[in-house]
Amino acid sequence: MGLGFIIGVFGVLILFHAAYSTIQYRGLLKIMEEEFSGPPMNVVLELLLGFVFCIWAALTVPGNFLSIHPDSEENRIVSLAANLDFMIFNHRAKAFPLEIDIKLKH
């Protein structure tokens, strides 16, 4: 468990606390018979902080990005088996005509 994972868990806990605070605030407004116009500013700040922590953890925990260039040395070659048992030739494309004659109108 690295630092990124711990920050991600902390971010999720902050988001849960912000949701609980909003629910508690709405209950308080119902008791006081006031209109709900939005969450308080401290809940909005909690949401933003929790969101930033979760995004940071999501970008750092999985690891480094790998190259997608086909010429890269990091890429490995994945080949399909030469077994014809898994090839399907009976599919929706058989509904299309084999030769499509499209004539352009000038």
Protein backbone atom coordinates (compact mmCIF):
# COMPACT_ATOMS: atom_id res chain seq x y z
CA MET A 1 0.00 0.00 0.00
CA GLY A 2 1.70 3.09 -1.26
CA LEU A 3 1.08 6.72 -0.58
CA GLY A 4 -1.21 7.07 -3.62
CA PHE A 5 -3.51 4.32 -2.39
CA ILE A 6 -3.77 5.84 1.07
CA ILE A 7 -4.56 9.26 -0.41
CA GLY A 8 -7.24 7.62 -2.61
CA VAL A 9 -8.87 5.98 0.40
CA PHE A 10 -8.70 9.30 2.26
CA GLY A 11 -10.33 11.02 -0.73
CA VAL A 12 -13.19 8.52 -0.76
CA LEU A 13 -13.69 9.00 2.97
CA ILE A 14 -13.85 12.77 2.46
CA LEU A 15 -16.47 12.29 -0.27
CA PHE A 16 -18.56 10.07 2.03
CA HIS A 17 -18.29 12.65 4.79
CA ALA A 18 -19.41 15.41 2.42
CA ALA A 19 -22.44 13.32 1.41
CA TYR A 20 -23.30 12.64 5.04
CA SER A 21 -22.94 16.34 5.88
CA THR A 22 -25.27 17.29 3.03
CA ILE A 23 -27.90 14.79 4.19
CA GLN A 24 -27.58 16.06 7.76
CA TYR A 25 -27.85 19.68 6.55
CA ARG A 26 -31.02 18.91 4.57
CA GLY A 27 -32.55 17.24 7.63
CA LEU A 28 -31.76 20.33 9.69
CA LEU A 29 -33.40 22.55 7.08
CA LYS A 30 -36.54 20.38 7.13
CA ILE A 31 -36.76 20.78 10.90
CA MET A 32 -36.32 24.55 10.57
CA GLU A 33 -38.80 24.55 7.62
CA GLU A 34 -36.43 26.36 5.29
CA GLU A 35 -35.82 25.88 1.57
CA PHE A 36 -32.77 23.91 0.41
CA SER A 37 -30.83 26.12 -1.99
CA GLY A 38 -27.59 24.15 -2.04
CA PRO A 39 -25.00 22.61 0.22
CA PRO A 40 -22.94 24.82 2.54
CA MET A 41 -19.56 26.11 1.41
CA ASN A 42 -17.59 23.73 3.65
CA VAL A 43 -19.30 20.74 1.99
CA VAL A 44 -18.46 22.10 -1.47
CA LEU A 45 -14.82 22.48 -0.42
CA GLU A 46 -14.85 18.91 0.94
CA LEU A 47 -16.22 17.67 -2.37
CA LEU A 48 -13.52 19.45 -4.35
CA LEU A 49 -10.75 18.24 -2.04
CA GLY A 50 -12.02 14.65 -2.10
CA PHE A 51 -12.35 14.80 -5.88
CA VAL A 52 -8.78 16.06 -6.27
CA PHE A 53 -7.46 13.33 -3.96
CA CYS A 54 -9.36 10.62 -5.83
CA ILE A 55 -8.21 11.85 -9.25
CA TRP A 56 -4.61 12.06 -8.04
CA ALA A 57 -4.79 8.52 -6.67
CA ALA A 58 -6.40 7.21 -9.86
CA LEU A 59 -3.56 8.63 -11.92
CA THR A 60 -0.69 7.50 -9.69
CA VAL A 61 -1.74 4.12 -8.26
CA PRO A 62 -2.02 2.08 -11.50
CA GLY A 63 1.59 2.79 -12.50
CA ASN A 64 3.36 4.33 -15.45
CA PHE A 65 1.73 4.80 -18.81
CA LEU A 66 3.01 2.47 -21.52
CA SER A 67 3.77 3.37 -25.08
CA ILE A 68 1.15 2.62 -27.73
CA HIS A 69 3.41 3.17 -30.71
CA PRO A 70 3.69 0.02 -32.83
CA ASP A 71 7.45 0.49 -33.25
CA SER A 72 8.08 0.70 -29.51
CA GLU A 73 10.38 -1.82 -27.86
CA GLU A 74 8.02 -2.03 -24.88
CA ASN A 75 5.20 -3.55 -26.92
CA ARG A 76 4.90 -7.27 -27.04
CA ILE A 77 3.50 -9.12 -29.97
CA VAL A 78 0.22 -10.88 -29.32
CA SER A 79 -0.76 -13.26 -32.06
CA LEU A 80 -3.98 -15.11 -32.55
CA ALA A 81 -4.02 -18.85 -32.75
CA ALA A 82 -4.07 -20.35 -36.22
CA ASN A 83 -6.94 -22.60 -35.16
CA LEU A 84 -9.92 -22.18 -37.50
CA ASP A 85 -12.37 -23.53 -34.90
CA PHE A 86 -12.79 -20.10 -33.35
CA MET A 87 -13.36 -18.16 -36.59
CA ILE A 88 -16.98 -17.28 -37.27
CA PHE A 89 -18.16 -16.77 -40.82
CA ASN A 90 -21.92 -16.90 -40.19
CA HIS A 91 -22.69 -13.37 -39.02
CA ARG A 92 -24.75 -10.30 -39.96
CA ALA A 93 -22.51 -9.30 -42.84
CA LYS A 94 -24.04 -12.06 -44.95
CA ALA A 95 -27.13 -9.86 -45.31
CA PHE A 96 -25.15 -7.39 -47.42
CA PRO A 97 -24.72 -8.08 -51.11
CA LEU A 98 -21.27 -9.24 -52.16
CA GLU A 99 -20.92 -6.70 -54.92
CA ILE A 100 -22.21 -3.23 -54.30
CA ASP A 101 -23.00 -1.41 -57.53
CA ILE A 102 -23.34 2.25 -56.70
CA LYS A 103 -23.98 4.51 -59.64
CA LEU A 104 -23.39 8.17 -59.10
CA LYS A 105 -25.91 10.55 -60.58
CA HIS A 106 -24.38 13.53 -62.33
